[in-house]
Amino acid sequence: MRRIAICAALVAALFAGITCFSSASRADTGRVAVVFTKGGFIVGVGGGEGVLINHGRQYPFTVSGMSVGFTIGASTTRLTGRALNLRGPASFEGSYSAIGAGGAIAAGAGGVQLQNGNGVILQLSGPRVGAEVSAAVGGVTIRLK
């Protein structure tokens, strides 16, 4: 009787594990490359273009953003990285903000982690060219072309 109970518990745990993995596997990871130019004094405004690559297909997009805080100068940043938790290209669109308290602070070689309302997380890094100092809180909006 005890062996049957143990086997039943193992089968239930295995079924639960398969169910969890099958729902998690529906979310994809894509590659992202974007060039973003920003400038300003106190209020920073920027924009750029990029491409999302998912399942071998390319999805061009535009990105625009604004930050409020300490921003002086202008810069161009070439960022590459990953888009996590994709549930199709449409989930990539939306308004992104920095994950966690505060904001994204970058100088020189920069990196940022952003999340949108669809749960998509962007993990991006790359070199910054120009003379800009920024310690601002802001976000970006991505639209597929």
C-alpha atoms as a PDB file:
ATOM      1  CA  MET A   1       0.000   0.000   0.000  1.00  0.00           C
ATOM      2  CA  ARG A   2       2.848   2.343   0.856  1.00  0.00           C
ATOM      3  CA  ARG A   3       4.541   1.666  -2.504  1.00  0.00           C
ATOM      4  CA  ILE A   4       1.332   2.507  -4.362  1.00  0.00           C
ATOM      5  CA  ALA A   5       1.066   5.818  -2.507  1.00  0.00           C
ATOM      6  CA  ILE A   6       4.703   6.660  -3.300  1.00  0.00           C
ATOM      7  CA  CYS A   7       4.221   5.753  -6.984  1.00  0.00           C
ATOM      8  CA  ALA A   8       1.042   7.840  -7.156  1.00  0.00           C
ATOM      9  CA  ALA A   9       2.874  10.815  -5.601  1.00  0.00           C
ATOM     10  CA  LEU A  10       5.742  10.441  -8.094  1.00  0.00           C
ATOM     11  CA  VAL A  11       3.345  10.270 -11.048  1.00  0.00           C
ATOM     12  CA  ALA A  12       1.520  13.373  -9.777  1.00  0.00           C
ATOM     13  CA  ALA A  13       4.822  15.236  -9.344  1.00  0.00           C
ATOM     14  CA  LEU A  14       5.974  14.185 -12.822  1.00  0.00           C
ATOM     15  CA  PHE A  15       2.673  15.347 -14.341  1.00  0.00           C
ATOM     16  CA  ALA A  16       2.911  18.683 -12.512  1.00  0.00           C
ATOM     17  CA  GLY A  17       6.492  19.121 -13.729  1.00  0.00           C
ATOM     18  CA  ILE A  18       5.532  18.415 -17.330  1.00  0.00           C
ATOM     19  CA  THR A  19       2.651  20.886 -17.095  1.00  0.00           C
ATOM     20  CA  CYS A  20       4.963  23.603 -15.732  1.00  0.00           C
ATOM     21  CA  PHE A  21       7.603  22.990 -18.393  1.00  0.00           C
ATOM     22  CA  SER A  22       5.089  22.948 -21.228  1.00  0.00           C
ATOM     23  CA  SER A  23       3.681  26.364 -20.285  1.00  0.00           C
ATOM     24  CA  ALA A  24       7.163  27.847 -19.802  1.00  0.00           C
ATOM     25  CA  SER A  25       8.319  26.483 -23.150  1.00  0.00           C
ATOM     26  CA  ARG A  26       5.705  28.596 -24.956  1.00  0.00           C
ATOM     27  CA  ALA A  27       7.761  31.690 -24.139  1.00  0.00           C
ATOM     28  CA  ASP A  28      10.612  32.306 -26.573  1.00  0.00           C
ATOM     29  CA  THR A  29      13.897  34.156 -26.451  1.00  0.00           C
ATOM     30  CA  GLY A  30      14.851  36.423 -29.346  1.00  0.00           C
ATOM     31  CA  ARG A  31      17.943  38.403 -30.268  1.00  0.00           C
ATOM     32  CA  VAL A  32      17.788  42.191 -30.346  1.00  0.00           C
ATOM     33  CA  ALA A  33      20.032  44.852 -31.910  1.00  0.00           C
ATOM     34  CA  VAL A  34      19.226  48.555 -31.605  1.00  0.00           C
ATOM     35  CA  VAL A  35      20.940  51.909 -32.215  1.00  0.00           C
ATOM     36  CA  PHE A  36      19.633  54.610 -29.859  1.00  0.00           C
ATOM     37  CA  THR A  37      20.590  58.298 -29.972  1.00  0.00           C
ATOM     38  CA  LYS A  38      19.848  60.484 -26.965  1.00  0.00           C
ATOM     39  CA  GLY A  39      20.484  64.068 -26.010  1.00  0.00           C
ATOM     40  CA  GLY A  40      19.320  66.679 -23.608  1.00  0.00           C
ATOM     41  CA  PHE A  41      19.777  68.894 -20.621  1.00  0.00           C
ATOM     42  CA  ILE A  42      17.754  67.804 -17.563  1.00  0.00           C
ATOM     43  CA  VAL A  43      15.137  66.143 -19.814  1.00  0.00           C
ATOM     44  CA  GLY A  44      16.643  63.634 -22.235  1.00  0.00           C
ATOM     45  CA  VAL A  45      14.891  62.653 -25.444  1.00  0.00           C
ATOM     46  CA  GLY A  46      15.980  59.939 -27.819  1.00  0.00           C
ATOM     47  CA  GLY A  47      15.028  57.541 -30.515  1.00  0.00           C
ATOM     48  CA  GLY A  48      16.355  54.870 -32.797  1.00  0.00           C
ATOM     49  CA  GLU A  49      15.772  51.744 -34.788  1.00  0.00           C
ATOM     50  CA  GLY A  50      16.487  48.104 -34.330  1.00  0.00           C
ATOM     51  CA  VAL A  51      15.634  44.568 -35.251  1.00  0.00           C
ATOM     52  CA  LEU A  52      14.221  41.638 -33.306  1.00  0.00           C
ATOM     53  CA  ILE A  53      15.259  38.216 -34.598  1.00  0.00           C
ATOM     54  CA  ASN A  54      12.966  35.394 -33.576  1.00  0.00           C
ATOM     55  CA  HIS A  55      12.801  31.921 -35.148  1.00  0.00           C
ATOM     56  CA  GLY A  56      15.018  33.127 -38.003  1.00  0.00           C
ATOM     57  CA  ARG A  57      12.694  35.988 -38.960  1.00  0.00           C
ATOM     58  CA  GLN A  58      13.598  39.650 -38.663  1.00  0.00           C
ATOM     59  CA  TYR A  59      11.148  42.167 -37.216  1.00  0.00           C
ATOM     60  CA  PRO A  60      12.314  45.795 -37.627  1.00  0.00           C
ATOM     61  CA  PHE A  61      11.149  48.258 -34.987  1.00  0.00           C
ATOM     62  CA  THR A  62      11.425  51.866 -33.881  1.00  0.00           C
ATOM     63  CA  VAL A  63      12.222  52.933 -30.349  1.00  0.00           C
ATOM     64  CA  SER A  64      11.567  56.274 -28.689  1.00  0.00           C
ATOM     65  CA  GLY A  65      12.104  57.393 -25.153  1.00  0.00           C
ATOM     66  CA  MET A  66      12.382  60.121 -22.618  1.00  0.00           C
ATOM     67  CA  SER A  67      14.070  60.465 -19.253  1.00  0.00           C
ATOM     68  CA  VAL A  68      13.764  62.989 -16.464  1.00  0.00           C
ATOM     69  CA  GLY A  69      16.667  63.608 -14.107  1.00  0.00           C
ATOM     70  CA  PHE A  70      20.306  64.460 -14.504  1.00  0.00           C
ATOM     71  CA  THR A  71      21.092  64.327 -18.245  1.00  0.00           C
ATOM     72  CA  ILE A  72      23.676  66.461 -19.989  1.00  0.00           C
ATOM     73  CA  GLY A  73      25.054  65.964 -23.503  1.00  0.00           C
ATOM     74  CA  ALA A  74      24.353  63.603 -26.378  1.00  0.00           C
ATOM     75  CA  SER A  75      25.278  60.034 -27.177  1.00  0.00           C
ATOM     76  CA  THR A  76      24.629  57.137 -29.524  1.00  0.00           C
ATOM     77  CA  THR A  77      24.456  53.657 -28.081  1.00  0.00           C
ATOM     78  CA  ARG A  78      24.614  50.419 -30.067  1.00  0.00           C
ATOM     79  CA  LEU A  79      22.943  47.793 -27.946  1.00  0.00           C
ATOM     80  CA  THR A  80      22.626  44.066 -28.501  1.00  0.00           C
ATOM     81  CA  GLY A  81      21.138  41.405 -26.329  1.00  0.00           C
ATOM     82  CA  ARG A  82      18.156  39.215 -25.660  1.00  0.00           C
ATOM     83  CA  ALA A  83      14.392  39.557 -25.459  1.00  0.00           C
ATOM     84  CA  LEU A  84      13.070  37.051 -22.928  1.00  0.00           C
ATOM     85  CA  ASN A  85       9.505  35.785 -22.406  1.00  0.00           C
ATOM     86  CA  LEU A  86       8.368  36.490 -25.976  1.00  0.00           C
ATOM     87  CA  ARG A  87       4.914  35.203 -26.811  1.00  0.00           C
ATOM     88  CA  GLY A  88       5.082  36.207 -30.465  1.00  0.00           C
ATOM     89  CA  PRO A  89       6.393  39.415 -32.068  1.00  0.00           C
ATOM     90  CA  ALA A  90       3.375  41.451 -30.919  1.00  0.00           C
ATOM     91  CA  SER A  91       4.324  40.916 -27.257  1.00  0.00           C
ATOM     92  CA  PHE A  92       7.616  42.720 -27.995  1.00  0.00           C
ATOM     93  CA  GLU A  93       5.809  46.029 -28.565  1.00  0.00           C
ATOM     94  CA  GLY A  94       4.997  48.363 -25.728  1.00  0.00           C
ATOM     95  CA  SER A  95       6.385  50.691 -23.114  1.00  0.00           C
ATOM     96  CA  TYR A  96       9.460  49.479 -21.243  1.00  0.00           C
ATOM     97  CA  SER A  97      10.818  50.689 -17.937  1.00  0.00           C
ATOM     98  CA  ALA A  98      13.821  49.769 -15.842  1.00  0.00           C
ATOM     99  CA  ILE A  99      13.380  46.666 -13.713  1.00  0.00           C
ATOM    100  CA  GLY A 100      13.666  47.363 -10.000  1.00  0.00           C
ATOM    101  CA  ALA A 101      13.864  50.594  -8.077  1.00  0.00           C
ATOM    102  CA  GLY A 102      15.635  53.600  -9.526  1.00  0.00           C
ATOM    103  CA  GLY A 103      16.524  53.551 -13.183  1.00  0.00           C
ATOM    104  CA  ALA A 104      19.146  52.617 -15.686  1.00  0.00           C
ATOM    105  CA  ILE A 105      22.430  54.440 -15.302  1.00  0.00           C
ATOM    106  CA  ALA A 106      24.922  53.920 -18.085  1.00  0.00           C
ATOM    107  CA  ALA A 107      28.155  55.538 -19.175  1.00  0.00           C
ATOM    108  CA  GLY A 108      30.846  54.248 -21.521  1.00  0.00           C
ATOM    109  CA  ALA A 109      29.984  50.637 -22.123  1.00  0.00           C
ATOM    110  CA  GLY A 110      26.414  50.501 -20.943  1.00  0.00           C
ATOM    111  CA  GLY A 111      23.920  47.880 -20.025  1.00  0.00           C
ATOM    112  CA  VAL A 112      20.252  47.950 -19.184  1.00  0.00           C
ATOM    113  CA  GLN A 113      17.470  45.558 -18.262  1.00  0.00           C
ATOM    114  CA  LEU A 114      13.934  46.662 -19.123  1.00  0.00           C
ATOM    115  CA  GLN A 115      10.485  45.078 -18.922  1.00  0.00           C
ATOM    116  CA  ASN A 116       7.193  45.853 -20.653  1.00  0.00           C
ATOM    117  CA  GLY A 117       3.605  45.206 -19.594  1.00  0.00           C
ATOM    118  CA  ASN A 118       3.539  41.943 -21.560  1.00  0.00           C
ATOM    119  CA  GLY A 119       6.303  40.498 -19.367  1.00  0.00           C
ATOM    120  CA  VAL A 120       8.967  40.731 -22.075  1.00  0.00           C
ATOM    121  CA  ILE A 121      12.377  41.458 -20.573  1.00  0.00           C
ATOM    122  CA  LEU A 122      15.122  43.127 -22.606  1.00  0.00           C
ATOM    123  CA  GLN A 123      18.702  42.496 -21.486  1.00  0.00           C
ATOM    124  CA  LEU A 124      20.872  44.819 -23.587  1.00  0.00           C
ATOM    125  CA  SER A 125      24.463  46.026 -23.495  1.00  0.00           C
ATOM    126  CA  GLY A 126      26.884  47.820 -25.758  1.00  0.00           C
ATOM    127  CA  PRO A 127      29.236  50.735 -26.232  1.00  0.00           C
ATOM    128  CA  ARG A 128      28.123  54.346 -25.917  1.00  0.00           C
ATOM    129  CA  VAL A 129      29.711  56.939 -28.212  1.00  0.00           C
ATOM    130  CA  GLY A 130      29.469  60.626 -27.336  1.00  0.00           C
ATOM    131  CA  ALA A 131      29.627  62.898 -24.340  1.00  0.00           C
ATOM    132  CA  GLU A 132      26.661  62.321 -22.127  1.00  0.00           C
ATOM    133  CA  VAL A 133      26.312  61.899 -18.400  1.00  0.00           C
ATOM    134  CA  SER A 134      23.000  60.470 -17.268  1.00  0.00           C
ATOM    135  CA  ALA A 135      21.471  59.487 -13.962  1.00  0.00           C
ATOM    136  CA  ALA A 136      17.855  59.687 -15.032  1.00  0.00           C
ATOM    137  CA  VAL A 137      14.713  57.635 -14.659  1.00  0.00           C
ATOM    138  CA  GLY A 138      12.859  56.985 -17.882  1.00  0.00           C
ATOM    139  CA  GLY A 139      11.519  54.476 -20.281  1.00  0.00           C
ATOM    140  CA  VAL A 140      11.253  53.615 -23.941  1.00  0.00           C
ATOM    141  CA  THR A 141       8.449  52.677 -26.270  1.00  0.00           C
ATOM    142  CA  ILE A 142       8.947  50.057 -28.996  1.00  0.00           C
ATOM    143  CA  ARG A 143       6.750  49.767 -32.089  1.00  0.00           C
ATOM    144  CA  LEU A 144       7.137  47.157 -34.822  1.00  0.00           C
ATOM    145  CA  LYS A 145       7.354  48.603 -38.350  1.00  0.00           C
END
